[in-house]
Amino acid sequence: MRAARRAVPAAERGPAAAAIDRHIASLGLPHAGTRISAFEPFDGEIDPSVVLRRSRALGCRVYFPEIIQLRRRRMRFVSQPGAGTAAALDPRWLDLVLVPLVAFDASGTRLGMGAGFYDRYFEFLRHRRTWLRPRLLGVAFDVQRLEHIATFDHDVPLWGIATERGIYGRAAAFVNGRTRR
């Protein structure tokens, strides 16, 4: 799946990122003034910068995951990579998290890089029943979609996935800012 992600032609990446931004906007997200986290693209991942430009124009505060101890699987969310602990935000205070992934299925199951950072830092969402923030929204190319991905007890499901072709997962019910019946 990583090879498929890397194989997306450069000429298709910009239009795909713009389409993903339109699909996220159809969810009514992000809201003005909210706290959003996104990633720096790596190894062929979709670039979330189009979404981030719109977010900043809405007055959103943008944070990035920063790995601080790879061996101990520790990361933090900072407004600028390398900014130090004073700029770090507890993940519970984020409103929307754009999550990178290697593969996904239509139900919202995500296959990541294997280190478990996102599952570890958003584990608290598995225990919540009412306040389901932050919303974890995977962003990917549609070529990364699989029919089914097995889940494990430690997996934290995504609220949805946005690709250039549309929205998958529970978030699909919220397209155009309202619940579909």
N, C-alpha and C. Protein backbone atom coordinates (compact mmCIF):
# COMPACT_ATOMS: atom_id res chain seq x y z
N MET A 1 0.82 -1.20 0.00
CA MET A 1 0.00 0.00 0.00
C MET A 1 0.86 1.26 0.00
N ARG A 2 2.00 1.18 0.67
CA ARG A 2 2.90 2.34 0.66
C ARG A 2 3.41 2.59 -0.76
N ALA A 3 3.70 1.53 -1.49
CA ALA A 3 4.15 1.67 -2.88
C ALA A 3 3.05 2.28 -3.74
N ALA A 4 1.81 1.86 -3.52
CA ALA A 4 0.68 2.42 -4.28
C ALA A 4 0.52 3.90 -3.98
N ARG A 5 0.70 4.27 -2.73
CA ARG A 5 0.60 5.67 -2.32
C ARG A 5 1.71 6.50 -2.98
N ARG A 6 2.92 5.97 -2.98
CA ARG A 6 4.05 6.67 -3.62
C ARG A 6 3.88 6.76 -5.14
N ALA A 7 3.15 5.81 -5.74
CA ALA A 7 3.00 5.75 -7.19
C ALA A 7 1.98 6.75 -7.74
N VAL A 8 1.25 7.43 -6.87
CA VAL A 8 0.30 8.44 -7.37
C VAL A 8 1.11 9.52 -8.07
N PRO A 9 0.82 9.78 -9.35
CA PRO A 9 1.61 10.76 -10.12
C PRO A 9 1.55 12.17 -9.52
N ALA A 10 2.65 12.88 -9.65
CA ALA A 10 2.74 14.24 -9.12
C ALA A 10 1.63 15.13 -9.65
N ALA A 11 1.25 14.95 -10.92
CA ALA A 11 0.20 15.78 -11.52
C ALA A 11 -1.17 15.54 -10.89
N GLU A 12 -1.37 14.41 -10.23
CA GLU A 12 -2.65 14.10 -9.60
C GLU A 12 -2.71 14.50 -8.13
N ARG A 13 -1.57 14.77 -7.53
CA ARG A 13 -1.52 15.03 -6.09
C ARG A 13 -2.20 16.35 -5.71
N GLY A 14 -1.91 17.42 -6.43
CA GLY A 14 -2.53 18.72 -6.13
C GLY A 14 -4.04 18.68 -6.27
N PRO A 15 -4.57 18.20 -7.42
CA PRO A 15 -6.02 18.09 -7.55
C PRO A 15 -6.65 17.17 -6.49
N ALA A 16 -5.96 16.10 -6.11
CA ALA A 16 -6.48 15.21 -5.07
C ALA A 16 -6.56 15.94 -3.73
N ALA A 17 -5.53 16.71 -3.39
CA ALA A 17 -5.53 17.47 -2.13
C ALA A 17 -6.66 18.50 -2.12
N ALA A 18 -6.89 19.15 -3.26
CA ALA A 18 -7.99 20.13 -3.35
C ALA A 18 -9.35 19.45 -3.21
N ALA A 19 -9.49 18.26 -3.81
CA ALA A 19 -10.76 17.53 -3.68
C ALA A 19 -10.99 17.09 -2.24
N ILE A 20 -9.94 16.65 -1.57
CA ILE A 20 -10.06 16.27 -0.16
C ILE A 20 -10.50 17.47 0.68
N ASP A 21 -9.93 18.63 0.40
CA ASP A 21 -10.34 19.83 1.13
C ASP A 21 -11.82 20.12 0.91
N ARG A 22 -12.29 19.98 -0.31
CA ARG A 22 -13.72 20.21 -0.59
C ARG A 22 -14.59 19.20 0.18
N HIS A 23 -14.15 17.96 0.23
CA HIS A 23 -14.93 16.94 0.95
C HIS A 23 -14.95 17.23 2.46
N ILE A 24 -13.82 17.68 2.99
CA ILE A 24 -13.78 18.03 4.42
C ILE A 24 -14.68 19.24 4.68
N ALA A 25 -14.66 20.21 3.76
CA ALA A 25 -15.55 21.37 3.90
C ALA A 25 -17.01 20.95 3.84
N SER A 26 -17.34 19.90 3.06
CA SER A 26 -18.73 19.42 3.00
C SER A 26 -19.19 18.83 4.32
N LEU A 27 -18.23 18.52 5.20
CA LEU A 27 -18.56 18.05 6.56
C LEU A 27 -18.78 19.23 7.51
N GLY A 28 -18.56 20.45 6.99
CA GLY A 28 -18.66 21.63 7.84
C GLY A 28 -17.41 21.82 8.69
N LEU A 29 -16.30 21.24 8.27
CA LEU A 29 -15.06 21.28 9.04
C LEU A 29 -13.93 21.95 8.26
N PRO A 30 -13.01 22.54 8.97
CA PRO A 30 -13.05 22.79 10.40
C PRO A 30 -13.94 23.98 10.71
N HIS A 31 -14.34 24.10 11.96
CA HIS A 31 -15.11 25.25 12.41
C HIS A 31 -14.15 26.40 12.69
N ALA A 32 -14.61 27.61 12.52
CA ALA A 32 -13.78 28.78 12.79
C ALA A 32 -13.25 28.76 14.22
N GLY A 33 -11.98 29.03 14.37
CA GLY A 33 -11.37 29.16 15.69
C GLY A 33 -11.04 27.87 16.41
N THR A 34 -11.20 26.73 15.76
CA THR A 34 -10.93 25.47 16.44
C THR A 34 -9.45 25.10 16.38
N ARG A 35 -9.11 24.04 17.11
CA ARG A 35 -7.74 23.53 17.14
C ARG A 35 -7.67 22.29 16.26
N ILE A 36 -6.83 22.34 15.26
CA ILE A 36 -6.70 21.26 14.30
C ILE A 36 -5.26 20.77 14.28
N SER A 37 -5.09 19.47 14.13
CA SER A 37 -3.76 18.89 13.99
C SER A 37 -3.65 18.27 12.62
N ALA A 38 -2.49 18.43 12.02
CA ALA A 38 -2.19 17.81 10.73
C ALA A 38 -0.74 17.37 10.75
N PHE A 39 -0.32 16.71 9.75
CA PHE A 39 1.01 16.12 9.68
C PHE A 39 1.78 16.69 8.50
N GLU A 40 3.08 16.57 8.57
CA GLU A 40 3.93 16.88 7.43
C GLU A 40 3.98 15.61 6.58
N PRO A 41 3.65 15.67 5.28
CA PRO A 41 3.61 14.44 4.48
C PRO A 41 4.97 13.77 4.38
N PHE A 42 4.92 12.44 4.36
CA PHE A 42 6.10 11.60 4.36
C PHE A 42 5.82 10.37 3.50
N ASP A 43 6.77 9.92 2.75
CA ASP A 43 6.68 8.65 2.03
C ASP A 43 5.46 8.57 1.12
N GLY A 44 5.15 9.67 0.42
CA GLY A 44 4.05 9.66 -0.53
C GLY A 44 2.68 9.97 0.03
N GLU A 45 2.60 10.33 1.32
CA GLU A 45 1.31 10.68 1.91
C GLU A 45 0.70 11.90 1.22
N ILE A 46 -0.61 12.00 1.25
CA ILE A 46 -1.29 13.18 0.73
C ILE A 46 -0.87 14.40 1.55
N ASP A 47 -0.72 15.53 0.89
CA ASP A 47 -0.30 16.76 1.56
C ASP A 47 -1.54 17.50 2.07
N PRO A 48 -1.67 17.68 3.40
CA PRO A 48 -2.85 18.35 3.94
C PRO A 48 -2.76 19.88 3.93
N SER A 49 -1.78 20.45 3.23
CA SER A 49 -1.58 21.91 3.31
C SER A 49 -2.76 22.72 2.77
N VAL A 50 -3.52 22.18 1.81
CA VAL A 50 -4.70 22.91 1.30
C VAL A 50 -5.71 23.07 2.43
N VAL A 51 -5.94 22.01 3.19
CA VAL A 51 -6.86 22.07 4.33
C VAL A 51 -6.33 23.05 5.37
N LEU A 52 -5.02 23.03 5.59
CA LEU A 52 -4.43 23.91 6.60
C LEU A 52 -4.53 25.38 6.21
N ARG A 53 -4.38 25.69 4.92
CA ARG A 53 -4.54 27.09 4.48
C ARG A 53 -5.95 27.58 4.77
N ARG A 54 -6.94 26.76 4.45
CA ARG A 54 -8.33 27.15 4.73
C ARG A 54 -8.56 27.25 6.23
N SER A 55 -7.98 26.34 6.99
CA SER A 55 -8.12 26.36 8.45
C SER A 55 -7.56 27.64 9.04
N ARG A 56 -6.39 28.01 8.60
CA ARG A 56 -5.77 29.25 9.11
C ARG A 56 -6.60 30.47 8.72
N ALA A 57 -7.17 30.46 7.52
CA ALA A 57 -8.03 31.58 7.09
C ALA A 57 -9.28 31.68 7.97
N LEU A 58 -9.70 30.56 8.56
CA LEU A 58 -10.85 30.54 9.46
C LEU A 58 -10.45 30.88 10.90
N GLY A 59 -9.18 31.15 11.12
CA GLY A 59 -8.72 31.48 12.47
C GLY A 59 -8.46 30.26 13.33
N CYS A 60 -8.30 29.10 12.71
CA CYS A 60 -8.00 27.88 13.48
C CYS A 60 -6.55 27.91 13.94
N ARG A 61 -6.32 27.27 15.06
CA ARG A 61 -4.95 27.07 15.55
C ARG A 61 -4.50 25.70 15.08
N VAL A 62 -3.33 25.67 14.44
CA VAL A 62 -2.84 24.45 13.83
C VAL A 62 -1.69 23.87 14.66
N TYR A 63 -1.75 22.57 14.88
CA TYR A 63 -0.73 21.84 15.63
C TYR A 63 -0.23 20.68 14.80
N PHE A 64 0.98 20.27 15.08
CA PHE A 64 1.60 19.15 14.38
C PHE A 64 2.09 18.11 15.38
N PRO A 65 1.95 16.82 15.03
CA PRO A 65 2.52 15.80 15.91
C PRO A 65 4.04 15.84 15.79
N GLU A 66 4.70 15.74 16.91
CA GLU A 66 6.17 15.73 16.93
C GLU A 66 6.61 14.54 17.78
N ILE A 67 7.34 13.63 17.16
CA ILE A 67 7.86 12.48 17.89
C ILE A 67 9.03 12.95 18.73
N ILE A 68 8.95 12.70 20.04
CA ILE A 68 10.02 13.15 20.92
C ILE A 68 10.88 12.00 21.43
N GLN A 69 10.31 10.79 21.44
CA GLN A 69 11.09 9.60 21.81
C GLN A 69 10.57 8.42 21.00
N LEU A 70 11.26 8.07 19.95
CA LEU A 70 10.81 7.01 19.08
C LEU A 70 10.75 5.67 19.80
N ARG A 71 11.80 5.35 20.51
CA ARG A 71 11.87 4.04 21.19
C ARG A 71 10.74 3.88 22.22
N ARG A 72 10.44 4.94 22.96
CA ARG A 72 9.39 4.87 23.99
C ARG A 72 8.01 5.24 23.43
N ARG A 73 7.94 5.49 22.12
CA ARG A 73 6.68 5.80 21.43
C ARG A 73 5.99 7.02 22.03
N ARG A 74 6.76 8.10 22.17
CA ARG A 74 6.21 9.33 22.74
C ARG A 74 6.18 10.42 21.69
N MET A 75 5.08 11.15 21.67
CA MET A 75 4.96 12.31 20.80
C MET A 75 4.18 13.38 21.53
N ARG A 76 4.13 14.55 20.95
CA ARG A 76 3.35 15.65 21.49
C ARG A 76 2.83 16.45 20.30
N PHE A 77 1.89 17.32 20.56
CA PHE A 77 1.31 18.16 19.52
C PHE A 77 1.76 19.60 19.78
N VAL A 78 2.44 20.18 18.79
CA VAL A 78 3.03 21.51 18.94
C VAL A 78 2.61 22.42 17.79
N SER A 79 2.63 23.72 18.06
CA SER A 79 2.27 24.68 17.02
C SER A 79 3.37 24.81 15.97
N GLN A 80 4.59 24.53 16.36
CA GLN A 80 5.72 24.53 15.43
C GLN A 80 6.64 23.39 15.82
N PRO A 81 7.01 22.54 14.86
CA PRO A 81 7.95 21.47 15.20
C PRO A 81 9.23 22.05 15.82
N GLY A 82 9.69 21.44 16.90
CA GLY A 82 10.89 21.91 17.59
C GLY A 82 10.65 23.06 18.55
N ALA A 83 9.38 23.41 18.78
CA ALA A 83 9.06 24.58 19.61
C ALA A 83 9.22 24.33 21.10
N GLY A 84 9.32 23.08 21.51
CA GLY A 84 9.50 22.78 22.93
C GLY A 84 8.19 22.51 23.64
N THR A 85 8.29 22.14 24.90
CA THR A 85 7.10 21.74 25.66
C THR A 85 6.13 22.88 25.93
N ALA A 86 6.62 24.12 25.97
CA ALA A 86 5.72 25.25 26.25
C ALA A 86 4.66 25.39 25.16
N ALA A 87 4.99 24.97 23.93
CA ALA A 87 4.04 25.08 22.81
C ALA A 87 3.20 23.82 22.64
N ALA A 88 3.39 22.82 23.50
CA ALA A 88 2.67 21.55 23.36
C ALA A 88 1.24 21.66 23.87
N LEU A 89 0.35 20.92 23.22
CA LEU A 89 -1.07 20.89 23.58
C LEU A 89 -1.46 19.45 23.85
N ASP A 90 -2.17 19.23 24.95
CA ASP A 90 -2.68 17.90 25.26
C ASP A 90 -3.64 17.49 24.14
N PRO A 91 -3.54 16.26 23.63
CA PRO A 91 -4.40 15.85 22.51
C PRO A 91 -5.89 15.93 22.82
N ARG A 92 -6.28 15.92 24.09
CA ARG A 92 -7.70 16.03 24.45
C ARG A 92 -8.29 17.40 24.08
N TRP A 93 -7.43 18.40 23.88
CA TRP A 93 -7.90 19.75 23.57
C TRP A 93 -7.99 20.01 22.08
N LEU A 94 -7.61 19.06 21.26
CA LEU A 94 -7.75 19.21 19.82
C LEU A 94 -9.21 18.99 19.43
N ASP A 95 -9.63 19.64 18.35
CA ASP A 95 -11.00 19.46 17.86
C ASP A 95 -11.05 18.52 16.66
N LEU A 96 -10.07 18.64 15.78
CA LEU A 96 -10.01 17.83 14.57
C LEU A 96 -8.56 17.41 14.35
N VAL A 97 -8.35 16.13 14.08
CA VAL A 97 -7.01 15.61 13.83
C VAL A 97 -7.01 14.95 12.46
N LEU A 98 -6.23 15.50 11.55
CA LEU A 98 -6.04 14.86 10.25
C LEU A 98 -4.96 13.80 10.43
N VAL A 99 -5.31 12.57 10.15
CA VAL A 99 -4.45 11.44 10.47
C VAL A 99 -3.89 10.81 9.18
N PRO A 100 -2.58 10.63 9.12
CA PRO A 100 -2.01 9.93 7.96
C PRO A 100 -2.27 8.44 8.09
N LEU A 101 -2.21 7.73 6.98
CA LEU A 101 -2.41 6.30 7.05
C LEU A 101 -1.77 5.61 5.85
N VAL A 102 -1.56 4.32 6.01
CA VAL A 102 -1.03 3.50 4.92
C VAL A 102 -2.19 2.91 4.13
N ALA A 103 -3.21 2.45 4.84
CA ALA A 103 -4.39 1.87 4.20
C ALA A 103 -5.59 2.06 5.12
N PHE A 104 -6.79 1.91 4.55
CA PHE A 104 -8.02 2.04 5.33
C PHE A 104 -9.10 1.19 4.68
N ASP A 105 -10.16 0.94 5.43
CA ASP A 105 -11.34 0.33 4.83
C ASP A 105 -12.51 1.28 5.02
N ALA A 106 -13.59 1.01 4.33
CA ALA A 106 -14.74 1.93 4.32
C ALA A 106 -15.40 2.10 5.68
N SER A 107 -15.15 1.19 6.61
CA SER A 107 -15.75 1.30 7.94
C SER A 107 -14.99 2.28 8.84
N GLY A 108 -13.79 2.68 8.43
CA GLY A 108 -13.01 3.62 9.24
C GLY A 108 -11.83 2.98 9.94
N THR A 109 -11.53 1.75 9.63
CA THR A 109 -10.36 1.11 10.21
C THR A 109 -9.13 1.58 9.47
N ARG A 110 -8.10 1.90 10.22
CA ARG A 110 -6.87 2.48 9.68
C ARG A 110 -5.70 1.55 9.91
N LEU A 111 -4.86 1.45 8.90
CA LEU A 111 -3.58 0.78 9.03
C LEU A 111 -2.52 1.87 8.97
N GLY A 112 -1.79 2.04 10.06
CA GLY A 112 -0.75 3.07 10.11
C GLY A 112 0.61 2.49 9.81
N MET A 113 1.63 3.18 10.26
CA MET A 113 3.00 2.75 10.00
C MET A 113 3.46 1.66 10.96
N GLY A 114 2.67 1.35 11.99
CA GLY A 114 2.98 0.24 12.86
C GLY A 114 3.51 0.59 14.23
N ALA A 115 3.80 1.85 14.49
CA ALA A 115 4.35 2.21 15.80
C ALA A 115 3.27 2.48 16.85
N GLY A 116 2.04 2.73 16.43
CA GLY A 116 0.94 2.90 17.37
C GLY A 116 0.84 4.26 18.03
N PHE A 117 1.48 5.28 17.48
CA PHE A 117 1.45 6.61 18.10
C PHE A 117 0.02 7.14 18.24
N TYR A 118 -0.74 7.14 17.15
CA TYR A 118 -2.09 7.69 17.20
C TYR A 118 -2.99 6.86 18.09
N ASP A 119 -2.88 5.54 18.03
CA ASP A 119 -3.69 4.69 18.91
C ASP A 119 -3.36 4.96 20.37
N ARG A 120 -2.12 5.17 20.67
CA ARG A 120 -1.69 5.42 22.05
C ARG A 120 -2.18 6.79 22.53
N TYR A 121 -2.02 7.82 21.71
CA TYR A 121 -2.35 9.17 22.16
C TYR A 121 -3.83 9.49 22.14
N PHE A 122 -4.62 8.71 21.42
CA PHE A 122 -6.06 8.95 21.38
C PHE A 122 -6.84 7.76 21.95
N GLU A 123 -6.17 6.97 22.74
CA GLU A 123 -6.77 5.80 23.39
C GLU A 123 -7.98 6.20 24.23
N PHE A 124 -7.96 7.38 24.81
CA PHE A 124 -9.08 7.84 25.64
C PHE A 124 -10.39 7.89 24.87
N LEU A 125 -10.35 8.01 23.54
CA LEU A 125 -11.58 8.05 22.75
C LEU A 125 -12.33 6.72 22.77
N ARG A 126 -11.62 5.63 22.99
CA ARG A 126 -12.28 4.32 23.04
C ARG A 126 -13.20 4.20 24.23
N HIS A 127 -12.99 5.02 25.26
CA HIS A 127 -13.77 4.91 26.50
C HIS A 127 -14.88 5.97 26.60
N ARG A 128 -14.87 6.92 25.71
CA ARG A 128 -15.89 7.98 25.76
C ARG A 128 -17.16 7.53 25.07
N ARG A 129 -18.27 7.98 25.60
CA ARG A 129 -19.56 7.65 25.00
C ARG A 129 -20.30 8.90 24.51
N THR A 130 -19.99 10.06 25.07
CA THR A 130 -20.71 11.27 24.67
C THR A 130 -19.81 12.30 24.01
N TRP A 131 -18.80 12.78 24.68
CA TRP A 131 -17.92 13.82 24.13
C TRP A 131 -16.87 13.13 23.28
N LEU A 132 -17.07 13.11 21.98
CA LEU A 132 -16.20 12.36 21.09
C LEU A 132 -15.23 13.28 20.35
N ARG A 133 -14.54 14.10 21.08
CA ARG A 133 -13.55 14.99 20.51
C ARG A 133 -12.18 14.59 21.00
N PRO A 134 -11.20 14.74 20.21
CA PRO A 134 -11.24 15.27 18.85
C PRO A 134 -11.77 14.24 17.85
N ARG A 135 -12.22 14.75 16.72
CA ARG A 135 -12.59 13.87 15.64
C ARG A 135 -11.33 13.49 14.89
N LEU A 136 -11.13 12.20 14.70
CA LEU A 136 -9.98 11.70 13.96
C LEU A 136 -10.42 11.43 12.53
N LEU A 137 -9.85 12.18 11.60
CA LEU A 137 -10.23 12.08 10.20
C LEU A 137 -9.00 11.70 9.38
N GLY A 138 -8.99 10.48 8.88
CA GLY A 138 -7.90 10.04 8.03
C GLY A 138 -7.95 10.77 6.70
N VAL A 139 -6.81 11.06 6.14
CA VAL A 139 -6.73 11.65 4.80
C VAL A 139 -5.79 10.78 3.97
N ALA A 140 -6.25 10.43 2.78
CA ALA A 140 -5.51 9.47 1.96
C ALA A 140 -5.96 9.55 0.51
N PHE A 141 -5.24 8.88 -0.34
CA PHE A 141 -5.67 8.68 -1.72
C PHE A 141 -6.62 7.49 -1.73
N ASP A 142 -7.58 7.50 -2.63
CA ASP A 142 -8.54 6.41 -2.69
C ASP A 142 -7.86 5.08 -3.02
N VAL A 143 -6.73 5.10 -3.67
CA VAL A 143 -6.00 3.88 -4.00
C VAL A 143 -5.54 3.13 -2.74
N GLN A 144 -5.58 3.78 -1.59
CA GLN A 144 -5.16 3.17 -0.33
C GLN A 144 -6.29 2.39 0.35
N ARG A 145 -7.46 2.36 -0.25
CA ARG A 145 -8.61 1.68 0.35
C ARG A 145 -8.55 0.18 0.10
N LEU A 146 -8.76 -0.58 1.16
CA LEU A 146 -8.84 -2.03 1.10
C LEU A 146 -10.27 -2.46 1.42
N GLU A 147 -10.61 -3.67 1.07
CA GLU A 147 -11.94 -4.20 1.35
C GLU A 147 -12.17 -4.32 2.85
N HIS A 148 -11.18 -4.86 3.58
CA HIS A 148 -11.34 -5.08 5.01
C HIS A 148 -9.97 -5.08 5.69
N ILE A 149 -9.90 -4.46 6.85
CA ILE A 149 -8.70 -4.48 7.67
C ILE A 149 -9.10 -5.02 9.03
N ALA A 150 -8.38 -6.02 9.50
CA ALA A 150 -8.66 -6.61 10.82
C ALA A 150 -8.41 -5.57 11.91
N THR A 151 -9.19 -5.62 12.96
CA THR A 151 -9.01 -4.70 14.09
C THR A 151 -8.50 -5.46 15.31
N PHE A 152 -7.88 -4.70 16.19
CA PHE A 152 -7.36 -5.23 17.44
C PHE A 152 -7.91 -4.39 18.58
N ASP A 153 -7.85 -4.91 19.79
CA ASP A 153 -8.42 -4.22 20.95
C ASP A 153 -7.83 -2.83 21.16
N HIS A 154 -6.57 -2.62 20.82
CA HIS A 154 -5.92 -1.33 21.06
C HIS A 154 -6.19 -0.30 19.97
N ASP A 155 -6.82 -0.71 18.86
CA ASP A 155 -7.07 0.22 17.76
C ASP A 155 -8.11 1.27 18.13
N VAL A 156 -7.82 2.50 17.78
CA VAL A 156 -8.77 3.59 17.95
C VAL A 156 -9.36 3.87 16.57
N PRO A 157 -10.65 3.65 16.39
CA PRO A 157 -11.23 3.84 15.06
C PRO A 157 -11.27 5.32 14.67
N LEU A 158 -11.15 5.54 13.39
CA LEU A 158 -11.29 6.90 12.86
C LEU A 158 -12.76 7.26 12.78
N TRP A 159 -13.04 8.54 12.90
CA TRP A 159 -14.40 9.02 12.69
C TRP A 159 -14.75 8.91 11.21
N GLY A 160 -13.74 9.12 10.37
CA GLY A 160 -13.95 9.02 8.93
C GLY A 160 -12.65 9.12 8.18
N ILE A 161 -12.73 8.98 6.88
CA ILE A 161 -11.58 9.12 5.99
C ILE A 161 -12.02 9.98 4.83
N ALA A 162 -11.19 10.95 4.47
CA ALA A 162 -11.44 11.79 3.30
C ALA A 162 -10.42 11.43 2.23
N THR A 163 -10.92 11.13 1.03
CA THR A 163 -10.06 10.89 -0.12
C THR A 163 -10.52 11.83 -1.24
N GLU A 164 -9.85 11.76 -2.36
CA GLU A 164 -10.25 12.60 -3.49
C GLU A 164 -11.62 12.18 -4.03
N ARG A 165 -12.08 10.98 -3.69
CA ARG A 165 -13.37 10.50 -4.19
C ARG A 165 -14.52 10.70 -3.23
N GLY A 166 -14.23 11.02 -1.97
CA GLY A 166 -15.34 11.22 -1.04
C GLY A 166 -14.97 10.95 0.40
N ILE A 167 -16.00 10.78 1.21
CA ILE A 167 -15.86 10.56 2.65
C ILE A 167 -16.32 9.14 2.97
N TYR A 168 -15.55 8.46 3.81
CA TYR A 168 -15.87 7.11 4.24
C TYR A 168 -16.02 7.09 5.76
N GLY A 169 -16.56 5.99 6.28
CA GLY A 169 -16.70 5.82 7.72
C GLY A 169 -17.92 6.53 8.25
N ARG A 170 -17.96 6.71 9.58
CA ARG A 170 -19.11 7.37 10.22
C ARG A 170 -19.30 8.79 9.73
N ALA A 171 -18.24 9.46 9.34
CA ALA A 171 -18.32 10.85 8.89
C ALA A 171 -19.16 10.99 7.63
N ALA A 172 -19.28 9.93 6.84
CA ALA A 172 -20.05 10.01 5.60
C ALA A 172 -21.50 10.42 5.85
N ALA A 173 -22.00 10.15 7.04
CA ALA A 173 -23.38 10.53 7.39
C ALA A 173 -23.53 12.04 7.61
N PHE A 174 -22.41 12.77 7.67
CA PHE A 174 -22.45 14.20 7.98
C PHE A 174 -22.11 15.09 6.80
N VAL A 175 -22.08 14.55 5.60
CA VAL A 175 -21.73 15.34 4.43
C VAL A 175 -22.74 16.49 4.29
N ASN A 176 -22.20 17.64 3.89
CA ASN A 176 -22.96 18.90 3.76
C ASN A 176 -23.41 19.44 5.11
N GLY A 177 -22.66 19.09 6.16
CA GLY A 177 -22.85 19.68 7.48
C GLY A 177 -24.08 19.21 8.24
N ARG A 178 -24.75 18.20 7.74
CA ARG A 178 -25.92 17.70 8.46
C ARG A 178 -25.95 16.18 8.33
N THR A 179 -26.63 15.57 9.24
CA THR A 179 -26.73 14.12 9.25
C THR A 179 -27.63 13.64 8.13
N ARG A 180 -27.17 12.65 7.36
CA ARG A 180 -28.02 12.01 6.34
C ARG A 180 -28.93 11.03 7.04
N ARG A 181 -30.11 10.93 6.56
CA ARG A 181 -31.09 9.97 7.13
C ARG A 181 -31.13 8.72 6.29
